[in-house]
Amino acid sequence: MEARDTRWISVTEVARHLGVARDTVYRWIDSRGLPAHRVGRFWKFQLSEVDAWVKSGEAEVPNNADLGDLTRRKR
């Protein structure tokens, strides 16, 4: 295993790696099982676990129906 695979990274680094907002990372921890480890009051991640999770397809949005609230205009 490479040193890169065992390095612990932050929410900000995971968000940057995945190209999403920090809020999305927190939401994925709660609702999609993004592999994260609580260290005190911080979330930490192993890049190898995050990449395996993405490859498993868990990060994908199932269909546009799940985006209903995001795609509708608020009046």
N, C-alpha and C. Protein backbone atom coordinates (compact mmCIF):
# COMPACT_ATOMS: atom_id res chain seq x y z
N MET A 1 0.84 -1.18 0.00
CA MET A 1 0.00 0.00 0.00
C MET A 1 0.89 1.24 0.00
N GLU A 2 0.57 2.20 -0.83
CA GLU A 2 1.36 3.43 -0.93
C GLU A 2 1.06 4.36 0.23
N ALA A 3 2.01 5.24 0.53
CA ALA A 3 1.81 6.23 1.59
C ALA A 3 0.60 7.10 1.27
N ARG A 4 0.39 7.39 0.00
CA ARG A 4 -0.73 8.23 -0.41
C ARG A 4 -2.07 7.61 0.01
N ASP A 5 -2.16 6.30 -0.03
CA ASP A 5 -3.40 5.61 0.29
C ASP A 5 -3.73 5.65 1.78
N THR A 6 -2.75 5.85 2.63
CA THR A 6 -2.99 5.81 4.07
C THR A 6 -3.03 7.19 4.71
N ARG A 7 -2.79 8.23 3.93
CA ARG A 7 -2.81 9.59 4.48
C ARG A 7 -4.24 10.00 4.79
N TRP A 8 -4.43 10.61 5.95
CA TRP A 8 -5.74 11.12 6.35
C TRP A 8 -5.93 12.51 5.77
N ILE A 9 -7.11 12.75 5.17
CA ILE A 9 -7.37 14.06 4.56
C ILE A 9 -8.66 14.65 5.15
N SER A 10 -8.82 15.95 4.96
CA SER A 10 -9.94 16.70 5.55
C SER A 10 -11.15 16.76 4.62
N VAL A 11 -12.24 17.29 5.14
CA VAL A 11 -13.45 17.51 4.33
C VAL A 11 -13.14 18.41 3.14
N THR A 12 -12.38 19.47 3.37
CA THR A 12 -12.02 20.39 2.28
C THR A 12 -11.24 19.67 1.19
N GLU A 13 -10.29 18.83 1.59
CA GLU A 13 -9.49 18.10 0.60
C GLU A 13 -10.33 17.08 -0.16
N VAL A 14 -11.26 16.41 0.51
CA VAL A 14 -12.14 15.46 -0.17
C VAL A 14 -13.03 16.20 -1.16
N ALA A 15 -13.58 17.34 -0.74
CA ALA A 15 -14.43 18.13 -1.63
C ALA A 15 -13.66 18.55 -2.88
N ARG A 16 -12.44 19.01 -2.69
CA ARG A 16 -11.60 19.42 -3.82
C ARG A 16 -11.30 18.22 -4.72
N HIS A 17 -10.98 17.08 -4.13
CA HIS A 17 -10.65 15.86 -4.89
C HIS A 17 -11.84 15.40 -5.73
N LEU A 18 -13.05 15.51 -5.17
CA LEU A 18 -14.25 15.05 -5.87
C LEU A 18 -14.92 16.13 -6.71
N GLY A 19 -14.48 17.38 -6.55
CA GLY A 19 -15.06 18.47 -7.33
C GLY A 19 -16.46 18.85 -6.87
N VAL A 20 -16.70 18.76 -5.57
CA VAL A 20 -18.00 19.11 -5.01
C VAL A 20 -17.82 20.09 -3.86
N ALA A 21 -18.93 20.62 -3.37
CA ALA A 21 -18.89 21.54 -2.23
C ALA A 21 -18.71 20.75 -0.92
N ARG A 22 -18.21 21.43 0.09
CA ARG A 22 -18.05 20.80 1.41
C ARG A 22 -19.39 20.30 1.95
N ASP A 23 -20.46 21.08 1.73
CA ASP A 23 -21.78 20.66 2.18
C ASP A 23 -22.20 19.33 1.55
N THR A 24 -21.81 19.12 0.31
CA THR A 24 -22.11 17.86 -0.37
C THR A 24 -21.39 16.71 0.31
N VAL A 25 -20.15 16.92 0.71
CA VAL A 25 -19.39 15.88 1.42
C VAL A 25 -20.12 15.50 2.71
N TYR A 26 -20.53 16.50 3.49
CA TYR A 26 -21.26 16.21 4.74
C TYR A 26 -22.56 15.47 4.46
N ARG A 27 -23.28 15.87 3.42
CA ARG A 27 -24.54 15.21 3.06
C ARG A 27 -24.29 13.76 2.66
N TRP A 28 -23.22 13.52 1.89
CA TRP A 28 -22.89 12.16 1.46
C TRP A 28 -22.48 11.28 2.64
N ILE A 29 -21.85 11.85 3.66
CA ILE A 29 -21.52 11.07 4.86
C ILE A 29 -22.82 10.56 5.48
N ASP A 30 -23.81 11.46 5.61
CA ASP A 30 -25.07 11.11 6.26
C ASP A 30 -25.98 10.23 5.42
N SER A 31 -26.08 10.53 4.12
CA SER A 31 -27.12 9.88 3.33
C SER A 31 -26.63 8.81 2.35
N ARG A 32 -25.36 8.81 2.02
CA ARG A 32 -24.89 7.87 1.01
C ARG A 32 -23.75 6.98 1.47
N GLY A 33 -23.38 7.12 2.73
CA GLY A 33 -22.36 6.22 3.26
C GLY A 33 -20.94 6.52 2.84
N LEU A 34 -20.64 7.78 2.52
CA LEU A 34 -19.26 8.15 2.21
C LEU A 34 -18.39 7.73 3.39
N PRO A 35 -17.37 6.91 3.16
CA PRO A 35 -16.55 6.42 4.28
C PRO A 35 -15.76 7.54 4.94
N ALA A 36 -16.11 7.81 6.19
CA ALA A 36 -15.47 8.89 6.94
C ALA A 36 -15.25 8.42 8.37
N HIS A 37 -14.26 8.99 9.00
CA HIS A 37 -13.90 8.63 10.37
C HIS A 37 -13.92 9.88 11.22
N ARG A 38 -14.64 9.82 12.33
CA ARG A 38 -14.74 10.96 13.24
C ARG A 38 -13.50 10.97 14.14
N VAL A 39 -12.77 12.08 14.13
CA VAL A 39 -11.60 12.26 14.99
C VAL A 39 -11.87 13.52 15.80
N GLY A 40 -12.29 13.33 17.05
CA GLY A 40 -12.72 14.48 17.84
C GLY A 40 -13.96 15.08 17.20
N ARG A 41 -13.88 16.36 16.85
CA ARG A 41 -15.02 17.01 16.19
C ARG A 41 -14.84 17.12 14.69
N PHE A 42 -13.80 16.49 14.15
CA PHE A 42 -13.49 16.58 12.72
C PHE A 42 -13.77 15.26 12.02
N TRP A 43 -14.11 15.35 10.74
CA TRP A 43 -14.21 14.18 9.88
C TRP A 43 -12.90 14.04 9.13
N LYS A 44 -12.38 12.83 9.08
CA LYS A 44 -11.16 12.53 8.33
C LYS A 44 -11.45 11.37 7.38
N PHE A 45 -10.70 11.33 6.30
CA PHE A 45 -10.94 10.36 5.24
C PHE A 45 -9.62 9.76 4.78
N GLN A 46 -9.69 8.52 4.30
CA GLN A 46 -8.55 7.93 3.60
C GLN A 46 -8.90 7.96 2.12
N LEU A 47 -8.01 8.52 1.34
CA LEU A 47 -8.27 8.70 -0.09
C LEU A 47 -8.60 7.38 -0.78
N SER A 48 -7.94 6.31 -0.40
CA SER A 48 -8.21 5.01 -1.02
C SER A 48 -9.65 4.56 -0.77
N GLU A 49 -10.18 4.82 0.43
CA GLU A 49 -11.57 4.47 0.74
C GLU A 49 -12.54 5.33 -0.04
N VAL A 50 -12.25 6.61 -0.15
CA VAL A 50 -13.11 7.53 -0.90
C VAL A 50 -13.15 7.12 -2.37
N ASP A 51 -11.99 6.84 -2.95
CA ASP A 51 -11.94 6.44 -4.36
C ASP A 51 -12.68 5.13 -4.60
N ALA A 52 -12.56 4.17 -3.68
CA ALA A 52 -13.28 2.90 -3.82
C ALA A 52 -14.78 3.14 -3.74
N TRP A 53 -15.21 4.05 -2.86
CA TRP A 53 -16.63 4.38 -2.72
C TRP A 53 -17.16 4.99 -4.02
N VAL A 54 -16.40 5.89 -4.62
CA VAL A 54 -16.81 6.51 -5.89
C VAL A 54 -16.91 5.44 -6.97
N LYS A 55 -15.91 4.57 -7.06
CA LYS A 55 -15.91 3.52 -8.08
C LYS A 55 -17.08 2.56 -7.91
N SER A 56 -17.56 2.40 -6.68
CA SER A 56 -18.68 1.49 -6.44
C SER A 56 -20.01 2.07 -6.94
N GLY A 57 -20.01 3.37 -7.29
CA GLY A 57 -21.21 4.00 -7.83
C GLY A 57 -22.07 4.69 -6.79
N GLU A 58 -21.66 4.70 -5.54
CA GLU A 58 -22.47 5.31 -4.49
C GLU A 58 -22.61 6.82 -4.63
N ALA A 59 -21.69 7.47 -5.31
CA ALA A 59 -21.73 8.93 -5.44
C ALA A 59 -22.68 9.38 -6.55
N GLU A 60 -23.15 8.46 -7.37
CA GLU A 60 -24.00 8.83 -8.50
C GLU A 60 -25.41 9.15 -8.04
N VAL A 61 -26.04 10.09 -8.73
CA VAL A 61 -27.44 10.41 -8.49
C VAL A 61 -28.27 9.40 -9.27
N PRO A 62 -29.20 8.68 -8.62
CA PRO A 62 -29.94 7.61 -9.30
C PRO A 62 -30.70 8.06 -10.54
N ASN A 63 -31.43 9.19 -10.45
CA ASN A 63 -32.14 9.72 -11.62
C ASN A 63 -32.56 11.15 -11.33
N ASN A 64 -33.07 11.83 -12.33
CA ASN A 64 -33.44 13.23 -12.18
C ASN A 64 -34.61 13.44 -11.22
N ALA A 65 -35.40 12.41 -10.98
CA ALA A 65 -36.52 12.55 -10.06
C ALA A 65 -36.05 12.94 -8.67
N ASP A 66 -34.86 12.49 -8.29
CA ASP A 66 -34.33 12.82 -6.97
C ASP A 66 -33.88 14.27 -6.88
N LEU A 67 -33.78 14.95 -8.00
CA LEU A 67 -33.33 16.34 -8.01
C LEU A 67 -34.49 17.32 -8.08
N GLY A 68 -35.71 16.84 -7.92
CA GLY A 68 -36.89 17.68 -8.07
C GLY A 68 -36.82 19.00 -7.34
N ASP A 69 -36.47 19.00 -6.08
CA ASP A 69 -36.41 20.24 -5.30
C ASP A 69 -35.31 21.17 -5.79
N LEU A 70 -34.26 20.62 -6.35
CA LEU A 70 -33.15 21.44 -6.80
C LEU A 70 -33.40 22.06 -8.17
N THR A 71 -34.24 21.42 -8.98
CA THR A 71 -34.45 21.90 -10.34
C THR A 71 -35.68 22.78 -10.48
N ARG A 72 -36.56 22.77 -9.50
CA ARG A 72 -37.75 23.62 -9.56
C ARG A 72 -37.42 25.03 -9.14
N ARG A 73 -38.03 25.97 -9.81
CA ARG A 73 -37.85 27.38 -9.44
C ARG A 73 -38.68 27.69 -8.21
N LYS A 74 -38.12 28.46 -7.34
CA LYS A 74 -38.87 28.94 -6.18
C LYS A 74 -39.49 30.28 -6.56
N ARG A 75 -40.74 30.47 -6.22
CA ARG A 75 -41.43 31.73 -6.56
C ARG A 75 -41.66 32.54 -5.34
